[in-house]
Amino acid sequence: MQLTSLLNDSPCHILLIVLDGLGGFADAQFDTELEQAATPNLDQLAAEGIVGLTQPTGPGITAGSGPGHLALFGYDPTEYELGRGVLSATGVGFDLAPGDIAARGNLCLLDADGIVTDRRAGRIADDAASALVDVLNDHVRVDGAEVMFKHIASHRVLIVLRGEGLDHRVADLDPQRTGVPPRDPEPLDPAAERTADVLRKVDAAIRDALADQDGADALLLRGFDTHHDLPSFADRYKLRAATVAIYPMYRGVAKLCGMDTLPRPAGLSEQVAAIREHWNDYDYFFLHHKKTDEAGHDGKRDDKVAAIEALDAVIPDIVALEPDVIAVTGDHSSPTQLSGHSWHPVPTLLWGPHVGRDAATSFGERACAAGLLGQRPTQELMPIMLASAGKLEKYGA
C-alpha cells in the first residue's frame, strides 16, 4: 500500500517541533534532563495528548542528525543516506556541481604532538572563525583539486573539493573524541584512493595555513558526500511545507526534501513569529531547536535543562495558533552523561483535537515509555501525524 493513495486535499496545519538531541537516560544520580526540567506547558500537552518513544535508526543504533531528521520527515534513513557535507552545503546555499565532494569540518585545537584537545576550538566565536576561513580560502592550494571553504557557524566549516575523478567514499577524519590524533584519510572504495591522497595534501595545507593563526590548529572533516536528489515532500504528502530552522544543516535537509526555507530567524521567539506570519501559506512547519544538543555534546546538564525550559516557554504561543497537530520530539538522544549522541529512544509527544489522550501527565522518558503512542520507528510518526490531521482516507472497503 502506498501512502500517497490515501492522501486527501483537506486543509490542515501540522507543526513538528524538534529539540535536537532531546533524549537522555536516568541513572542512579539523576533523572533525565527532560524529566528534571520545569516544563509545565509541555506537561499539559502530554496530559491532553499521547506520548511514546521513537527510534530513528533501530534498536541499539546511534543516529546522526541527518538520518534522524530524514526519519522524522517520514523517509527511510537507511534508504536515503546523506552526508553532513551535502546537508551543510545546501543549508548555506552552496550549489554543488556534479562530482563535487562536500564535508563538514570542525575547527579544532591540537597539542604539540598533534593530539586533539578540543574538537570545537572552544566553540570559537563567529567572527573569529570566519576570519580563519578567509585565511584557508586564501592559502590552501593543492594539486589535483580546487578546494573551497565556507563558514557555517561557530566552529563549523563547509569544505568542497572540485576536480576530475573525485569520489566521496572516504572515511571521516574526525575521530569524534579528544586525546587522539585526527584520522588519516582512508578510502572506503578503490575509486576513492585519489580523493584520499588529495585530502592528505589538504589536511597538511590547512595546518600550515593555521600555524600562524590564533583560535584553531586544524580542521576535523566528516560526512563526505556528493549531491543527491530526494523525493519531494510535497509529492509524498500533498503538503505545502516550510522550515524556520536556524542552523544551516537543518535548513539543508529540509530544503533537500523540498521544504521552503523561510528567512533565518535569530531565536525561538523569532521562529514562532515567522510561523505566525506565514501560517496561512503552509500546511506543515518544521521548527528546530539546537541548544539542547549543544549542551548534550558539552556534557552540561544545567544548560540542556535550560534549553528545554526555553522551548517550553514558547509553547503557549504555538498552541494559540490552533494547529491540528503538534509533535514534539528529537532527532536522537544526546545524554549529558555521554557528551554525545546515543542509541536511547527519544521521548515523543503528539497533541491535537483528534489525537486522543492517554494516562500520561508529564513529558519525560519514563512517562513516555507507558504512553499510547508506544515505542516505534521514528519514520512512523509522519503517517500518524497525517492521520491525526485528517489527511488520510480509509484503506479498503
Protein backbone atom coordinates (compact mmCIF):
# COMPACT_ATOMS: atom_id res chain seq x y z
CA MET A 1 0.00 0.00 0.00
CA GLN A 2 1.29 3.44 -0.98
CA LEU A 3 0.55 6.23 1.50
CA THR A 4 0.03 8.65 -1.39
CA SER A 5 -3.05 6.71 -2.47
CA LEU A 6 -4.76 7.57 0.83
CA LEU A 7 -3.92 11.27 0.95
CA ASN A 8 -6.69 13.83 0.55
CA ASP A 9 -6.74 17.58 0.00
CA SER A 10 -8.21 18.53 3.38
CA PRO A 11 -6.71 21.74 4.76
CA CYS A 12 -4.58 21.30 7.86
CA HIS A 13 -1.82 22.74 9.99
CA ILE A 14 0.84 20.34 11.26
CA LEU A 15 3.75 21.55 13.38
CA LEU A 16 6.85 19.46 14.07
CA ILE A 17 9.00 20.74 16.94
CA VAL A 18 12.42 19.10 17.15
CA LEU A 19 14.57 19.62 20.22
CA ASP A 20 17.87 18.38 18.82
CA GLY A 21 19.34 15.60 20.96
CA LEU A 22 16.34 15.73 23.32
CA GLY A 23 16.58 12.22 24.72
CA GLY A 24 18.58 11.11 27.72
CA PHE A 25 18.60 8.43 30.37
CA ALA A 26 18.10 8.35 34.12
CA ASP A 27 20.83 6.88 36.30
CA ALA A 28 21.49 6.34 39.98
CA GLN A 29 22.19 10.05 40.48
CA PHE A 30 19.94 11.93 38.04
CA ASP A 31 16.61 11.89 36.30
CA THR A 32 16.84 12.62 32.59
CA GLU A 33 17.35 16.25 31.57
CA LEU A 34 13.77 16.40 30.24
CA GLU A 35 12.41 14.93 33.47
CA GLN A 36 14.46 17.38 35.52
CA ALA A 37 13.35 20.42 33.53
CA ALA A 38 10.37 22.51 34.60
CA THR A 39 8.07 22.11 31.59
CA PRO A 40 4.50 23.00 32.62
CA ASN A 41 3.40 23.68 29.04
CA LEU A 42 4.83 20.50 27.55
CA ASP A 43 3.42 18.57 30.50
CA GLN A 44 -0.01 20.00 29.73
CA LEU A 45 0.27 18.91 26.10
CA ALA A 46 1.27 15.44 27.31
CA ALA A 47 -1.71 15.30 29.64
CA GLU A 48 -4.03 16.31 26.79
CA GLY A 49 -2.37 14.16 24.09
CA ILE A 50 -0.43 10.92 23.72
CA VAL A 51 3.24 10.11 24.28
CA GLY A 52 5.71 7.41 23.35
CA LEU A 53 9.30 6.67 22.43
CA THR A 54 10.76 6.73 18.92
CA GLN A 55 13.89 5.14 17.45
CA PRO A 56 15.46 6.93 14.47
CA THR A 57 17.51 4.07 13.05
CA GLY A 58 16.67 0.92 15.00
CA PRO A 59 17.28 -0.61 18.45
CA GLY A 60 20.79 -0.02 19.72
CA ILE A 61 21.81 2.12 16.72
CA THR A 62 23.12 5.60 17.45
CA ALA A 63 21.75 8.00 14.83
CA GLY A 64 23.35 11.08 13.37
CA SER A 65 21.36 14.24 12.85
CA GLY A 66 20.88 13.62 9.13
CA PRO A 67 19.29 10.17 9.46
CA GLY A 68 17.34 11.35 12.50
CA HIS A 69 15.71 14.19 10.58
CA LEU A 70 15.02 12.13 7.48
CA ALA A 71 13.19 9.65 9.70
CA LEU A 72 11.19 12.48 11.27
CA PHE A 73 10.14 13.58 7.78
CA GLY A 74 8.98 10.02 7.03
CA TYR A 75 11.93 8.94 4.85
CA ASP A 76 13.68 5.63 5.47
CA PRO A 77 17.12 6.77 6.71
CA THR A 78 18.73 3.52 5.56
CA GLU A 79 17.47 4.07 2.01
CA TYR A 80 18.30 7.77 1.75
CA GLU A 81 21.79 8.34 3.15
CA LEU A 82 23.00 11.92 3.24
CA GLY A 83 26.40 13.05 4.46
CA ARG A 84 26.71 16.12 6.64
CA GLY A 85 28.71 17.84 3.93
CA VAL A 86 25.80 17.85 1.48
CA LEU A 87 23.36 18.95 4.18
CA SER A 88 25.67 21.77 5.22
CA ALA A 89 26.25 22.88 1.62
CA THR A 90 22.53 23.04 0.94
CA GLY A 91 21.91 24.86 4.21
CA VAL A 92 24.36 27.67 3.41
CA GLY A 93 23.23 27.94 -0.20
CA PHE A 94 26.37 26.46 -1.79
CA ASP A 95 25.38 24.96 -5.14
CA LEU A 96 27.27 21.71 -5.56
CA ALA A 97 28.31 20.94 -9.14
CA PRO A 98 28.21 17.35 -10.44
CA GLY A 99 31.16 15.49 -8.97
CA ASP A 100 31.80 17.94 -6.11
CA ILE A 101 32.70 16.38 -2.77
CA ALA A 102 31.44 18.18 0.34
CA ALA A 103 32.28 17.60 4.00
CA ARG A 104 31.57 19.27 7.33
CA GLY A 105 34.62 20.41 9.24
CA ASN A 106 35.22 21.37 12.86
CA LEU A 107 37.86 23.94 13.65
CA CYS A 108 39.79 22.26 16.44
CA LEU A 109 42.76 22.60 18.78
CA LEU A 110 45.77 20.26 18.80
CA ASP A 111 48.64 19.92 21.24
CA ALA A 112 52.31 19.90 20.26
CA ASP A 113 52.09 16.20 19.41
CA GLY A 114 49.10 16.61 17.09
CA ILE A 115 46.61 15.24 19.60
CA VAL A 116 43.08 16.70 19.56
CA THR A 117 42.48 18.66 22.75
CA ASP A 118 39.24 20.41 21.76
CA ARG A 119 37.07 19.26 18.81
CA ARG A 120 35.27 22.62 18.63
CA ALA A 121 38.08 25.11 19.29
CA GLY A 122 36.33 26.33 22.42
CA ARG A 123 33.15 26.93 20.36
CA ILE A 124 35.01 29.77 18.70
CA ALA A 125 33.03 32.96 18.02
CA ASP A 126 31.59 33.50 14.56
CA ASP A 127 33.73 36.50 13.65
CA ALA A 128 36.99 34.81 14.68
CA ALA A 129 36.04 31.59 12.88
CA SER A 130 35.01 33.46 9.75
CA ALA A 131 38.40 35.20 9.68
CA LEU A 132 40.15 31.81 9.86
CA VAL A 133 38.02 30.53 6.99
CA ASP A 134 39.15 33.52 4.93
CA VAL A 135 42.75 32.52 5.66
CA LEU A 136 42.03 28.97 4.45
CA ASN A 137 40.46 30.22 1.24
CA ASP A 138 43.47 32.47 0.62
CA HIS A 139 46.20 29.94 1.34
CA VAL A 140 45.06 26.35 0.85
CA ARG A 141 46.09 25.17 -2.60
CA VAL A 142 46.74 21.56 -3.63
CA ASP A 143 47.45 19.75 -6.87
CA GLY A 144 44.57 17.79 -8.29
CA ALA A 145 41.58 19.67 -6.92
CA GLU A 146 40.10 23.07 -6.23
CA VAL A 147 39.46 23.50 -2.50
CA MET A 148 36.75 25.84 -1.22
CA PHE A 149 35.74 26.72 2.34
CA LYS A 150 32.64 28.44 3.70
CA HIS A 151 31.96 29.34 7.32
CA ILE A 152 28.74 27.83 8.69
CA ALA A 153 28.52 28.84 12.37
CA SER A 154 30.97 28.95 15.28
CA HIS A 155 33.50 26.11 14.73
CA ARG A 156 31.56 24.57 11.82
CA VAL A 157 33.01 24.90 8.34
CA LEU A 158 31.97 23.57 4.93
CA ILE A 159 34.72 22.26 2.66
CA VAL A 160 34.14 21.42 -1.01
CA LEU A 161 36.58 19.63 -3.31
CA ARG A 162 36.15 20.08 -7.06
CA GLY A 163 38.08 18.23 -9.74
CA GLU A 164 38.19 15.23 -12.03
CA GLY A 165 37.94 11.71 -10.67
CA LEU A 166 36.96 12.53 -7.09
CA ASP A 167 34.86 10.07 -5.08
CA HIS A 168 33.06 10.72 -1.80
CA ARG A 169 33.62 7.27 -0.31
CA VAL A 170 36.24 8.32 2.21
CA ALA A 171 36.15 7.64 5.96
CA ASP A 172 35.82 10.55 8.39
CA LEU A 173 39.00 12.27 9.53
CA ASP A 174 37.26 13.41 12.72
CA PRO A 175 37.91 10.85 15.50
CA GLN A 176 34.82 12.19 17.37
CA ARG A 177 36.78 12.37 20.63
CA THR A 178 39.73 14.13 22.20
CA GLY A 179 43.02 12.59 23.32
CA VAL A 180 43.78 11.05 19.92
CA PRO A 181 45.12 12.48 16.65
CA PRO A 182 42.89 13.18 13.64
CA ARG A 183 42.45 10.12 11.47
CA ASP A 184 44.36 9.70 8.23
CA PRO A 185 42.21 9.81 5.08
CA GLU A 186 41.11 6.27 4.29
CA PRO A 187 39.33 5.29 1.05
CA LEU A 188 36.28 3.09 1.56
CA ASP A 189 36.36 2.04 -2.09
CA PRO A 190 39.28 1.74 -4.52
CA ALA A 191 37.71 4.52 -6.60
CA ALA A 192 38.36 6.93 -3.70
CA GLU A 193 42.14 6.36 -3.50
CA ARG A 194 42.84 9.58 -5.36
CA THR A 195 40.44 11.55 -3.14
CA ALA A 196 42.17 10.23 -0.02
CA ASP A 197 45.51 11.35 -1.44
CA VAL A 198 44.11 14.82 -2.16
CA LEU A 199 42.76 15.01 1.39
CA ARG A 200 46.18 14.24 2.85
CA LYS A 201 47.53 17.26 1.00
CA VAL A 202 44.53 19.37 2.02
CA ASP A 203 44.96 18.45 5.70
CA ALA A 204 48.65 19.42 5.61
CA ALA A 205 47.87 22.68 3.83
CA ILE A 206 45.18 23.56 6.37
CA ARG A 207 47.55 23.01 9.28
CA ASP A 208 50.22 25.12 7.58
CA ALA A 209 47.74 27.94 6.93
CA LEU A 210 46.56 27.94 10.55
CA ALA A 211 50.01 27.60 12.11
CA ASP A 212 50.45 31.37 12.50
CA GLN A 213 46.81 32.00 13.48
CA ASP A 214 45.15 32.14 16.88
CA GLY A 215 42.00 30.18 17.62
CA ALA A 216 42.39 26.87 15.77
CA ASP A 217 45.06 24.44 14.59
CA ALA A 218 43.31 22.11 12.16
CA LEU A 219 40.00 21.08 10.60
CA LEU A 220 38.35 17.78 11.52
CA LEU A 221 36.42 16.55 8.48
CA ARG A 222 33.43 14.20 8.35
CA GLY A 223 30.35 13.40 6.37
CA PHE A 224 31.89 13.26 2.87
CA ASP A 225 29.20 13.12 0.23
CA THR A 226 28.08 14.36 -3.15
CA HIS A 227 24.77 15.78 -4.35
CA HIS A 228 21.61 13.63 -4.10
CA ASP A 229 18.03 14.16 -5.14
CA LEU A 230 15.32 13.19 -2.66
CA PRO A 231 11.65 12.52 -3.40
CA SER A 232 9.70 15.71 -2.86
CA PHE A 233 7.94 16.22 0.47
CA ALA A 234 5.05 17.82 -1.43
CA ASP A 235 4.68 14.82 -3.73
CA ARG A 236 4.87 12.34 -0.87
CA TYR A 237 2.38 14.07 1.43
CA LYS A 238 0.49 16.72 -0.56
CA LEU A 239 1.60 19.34 1.94
CA ARG A 240 3.00 22.83 1.50
CA ALA A 241 5.92 22.70 3.92
CA ALA A 242 8.34 25.25 5.36
CA THR A 243 11.07 25.36 7.98
CA VAL A 244 12.07 28.07 10.43
CA ALA A 245 15.24 26.22 11.45
CA ILE A 246 18.20 28.43 12.31
CA TYR A 247 21.23 26.20 11.77
CA PRO A 248 22.28 25.61 8.16
CA MET A 249 22.43 21.83 8.31
CA TYR A 250 18.80 21.51 9.33
CA ARG A 251 17.71 24.09 6.81
CA GLY A 252 19.69 21.99 4.33
CA VAL A 253 17.95 18.68 4.99
CA ALA A 254 14.56 20.43 4.89
CA LYS A 255 15.44 22.09 1.58
CA LEU A 256 16.63 18.79 0.08
CA CYS A 257 13.22 17.35 0.95
CA GLY A 258 11.56 20.22 -0.90
CA MET A 259 10.52 22.42 2.00
CA ASP A 260 10.67 26.19 1.71
CA THR A 261 13.30 27.76 3.95
CA LEU A 262 11.86 30.90 5.50
CA PRO A 263 14.27 33.77 6.33
CA ARG A 264 16.68 32.66 9.03
CA PRO A 265 15.35 33.67 12.47
CA ALA A 266 17.53 34.84 15.35
CA GLY A 267 15.99 32.71 18.11
CA LEU A 268 12.94 30.88 19.40
CA SER A 269 10.69 33.91 19.62
CA GLU A 270 11.52 34.86 16.05
CA GLN A 271 10.91 31.29 14.89
CA VAL A 272 7.40 31.36 16.36
CA ALA A 273 6.80 34.81 14.90
CA ALA A 274 7.78 33.55 11.44
CA ILE A 275 5.36 30.63 11.73
CA ARG A 276 2.62 33.03 12.76
CA GLU A 277 3.38 35.36 9.86
CA HIS A 278 3.22 32.53 7.31
CA TRP A 279 0.51 30.49 8.98
CA ASN A 280 -1.88 30.63 6.03
CA ASP A 281 0.83 29.97 3.44
CA TYR A 282 1.74 26.45 4.55
CA ASP A 283 0.23 23.22 5.88
CA TYR A 284 3.34 21.96 7.66
CA PHE A 285 6.04 23.73 9.67
CA PHE A 286 9.34 22.36 10.98
CA LEU A 287 10.81 24.18 14.00
CA HIS A 288 14.30 23.09 15.07
CA HIS A 289 15.89 23.93 18.45
CA LYS A 290 19.65 23.29 18.53
CA LYS A 291 20.74 24.29 22.03
CA THR A 292 19.63 21.02 23.67
CA ASP A 293 22.09 19.06 21.53
CA GLU A 294 24.94 21.53 22.04
CA ALA A 295 24.59 21.15 25.80
CA GLY A 296 24.39 17.37 25.47
CA HIS A 297 27.63 17.28 23.49
CA ASP A 298 29.32 19.52 26.05
CA GLY A 299 28.11 17.38 28.96
CA LYS A 300 26.43 20.41 30.52
CA ARG A 301 23.30 19.15 32.26
CA ASP A 302 22.12 22.52 33.55
CA ASP A 303 22.44 24.04 30.08
CA LYS A 304 20.43 21.24 28.50
CA VAL A 305 17.73 21.63 31.13
CA ALA A 306 17.65 25.38 30.48
CA ALA A 307 17.39 24.82 26.71
CA ILE A 308 14.40 22.52 27.22
CA GLU A 309 12.77 25.07 29.50
CA ALA A 310 13.31 27.83 26.90
CA LEU A 311 11.38 25.79 24.34
CA ASP A 312 8.64 25.10 26.85
CA ALA A 313 8.16 28.85 27.34
CA VAL A 314 7.04 29.39 23.70
CA ILE A 315 4.54 26.52 23.64
CA PRO A 316 1.53 28.74 24.60
CA ASP A 317 2.23 30.98 21.59
CA ILE A 318 2.27 27.92 19.34
CA VAL A 319 -0.91 26.45 20.79
CA ALA A 320 -2.61 29.82 20.30
CA LEU A 321 -2.25 29.32 16.53
CA GLU A 322 -4.68 26.38 16.88
CA PRO A 323 -2.78 23.79 14.83
CA ASP A 324 -4.41 20.46 14.03
CA VAL A 325 -1.37 18.53 15.23
CA ILE A 326 1.72 19.36 17.26
CA ALA A 327 4.52 16.81 17.51
CA VAL A 328 7.37 17.43 19.97
CA THR A 329 10.37 15.13 19.83
CA GLY A 330 14.07 14.92 18.99
CA ASP A 331 16.15 13.58 16.13
CA HIS A 332 18.21 11.43 18.51
CA SER A 333 19.31 11.32 22.14
CA SER A 334 22.31 13.26 23.49
CA PRO A 335 22.64 12.39 27.19
CA THR A 336 24.94 14.71 29.10
CA GLN A 337 26.43 11.66 30.84
CA LEU A 338 27.90 10.60 27.48
CA SER A 339 28.64 14.04 25.97
CA GLY A 340 27.38 12.88 22.59
CA HIS A 341 24.73 11.04 20.63
CA SER A 342 23.39 7.74 21.96
CA TRP A 343 21.10 4.86 20.99
CA HIS A 344 18.48 5.65 23.64
CA PRO A 345 14.89 6.05 22.40
CA VAL A 346 13.60 9.60 22.04
CA PRO A 347 10.63 10.93 24.06
CA THR A 348 7.85 11.93 21.70
CA LEU A 349 4.61 13.84 22.22
CA LEU A 350 1.61 14.15 19.90
CA TRP A 351 -1.15 16.66 20.59
CA GLY A 352 -4.25 17.81 18.73
CA PRO A 353 -8.05 17.78 18.76
CA HIS A 354 -8.22 14.32 17.16
CA VAL A 355 -5.08 12.73 18.57
CA GLY A 356 -6.62 11.22 21.70
CA ARG A 357 -5.38 11.08 25.26
CA ASP A 358 -3.54 8.51 27.32
CA ALA A 359 -2.71 8.30 31.02
CA ALA A 360 0.47 10.40 30.87
CA THR A 361 0.50 13.58 32.93
CA SER A 362 4.06 14.73 32.13
CA PHE A 363 6.55 14.70 29.28
CA GLY A 364 9.60 12.62 30.11
CA GLU A 365 11.29 9.41 29.07
CA ARG A 366 9.72 7.16 31.71
CA ALA A 367 6.27 8.67 31.26
CA CYS A 368 6.62 8.19 27.50
CA ALA A 369 7.55 4.51 27.97
CA ALA A 370 3.96 3.83 29.11
CA GLY A 371 2.23 6.06 26.56
CA LEU A 372 -0.34 5.15 23.93
CA LEU A 373 2.00 6.07 21.08
CA GLY A 374 4.18 3.14 22.11
CA GLN A 375 7.77 2.56 21.08
CA ARG A 376 8.16 2.68 17.31
CA PRO A 377 10.45 3.68 14.45
CA THR A 378 10.66 7.44 14.08
CA GLN A 379 9.60 7.33 10.42
CA GLU A 380 6.17 6.03 11.50
CA LEU A 381 5.49 9.35 13.21
CA MET A 382 4.77 11.14 9.91
CA PRO A 383 1.78 8.99 8.85
CA ILE A 384 0.38 9.20 12.37
CA MET A 385 0.60 12.99 12.21
CA LEU A 386 -1.14 12.96 8.82
CA ALA A 387 -3.91 10.72 10.11
CA SER A 388 -4.37 12.90 13.20
CA ALA A 389 -4.75 15.93 10.91
CA GLY A 390 -7.44 14.20 8.84
CA LYS A 391 -5.19 13.83 5.78
CA LEU A 392 -5.55 10.05 5.25
CA GLU A 393 -8.59 8.25 3.84
CA LYS A 394 -9.74 4.79 4.89
CA TYR A 395 -7.84 1.87 3.39
CA GLY A 396 -10.02 -0.80 1.80
CA ALA A 397 -13.76 -1.32 1.66
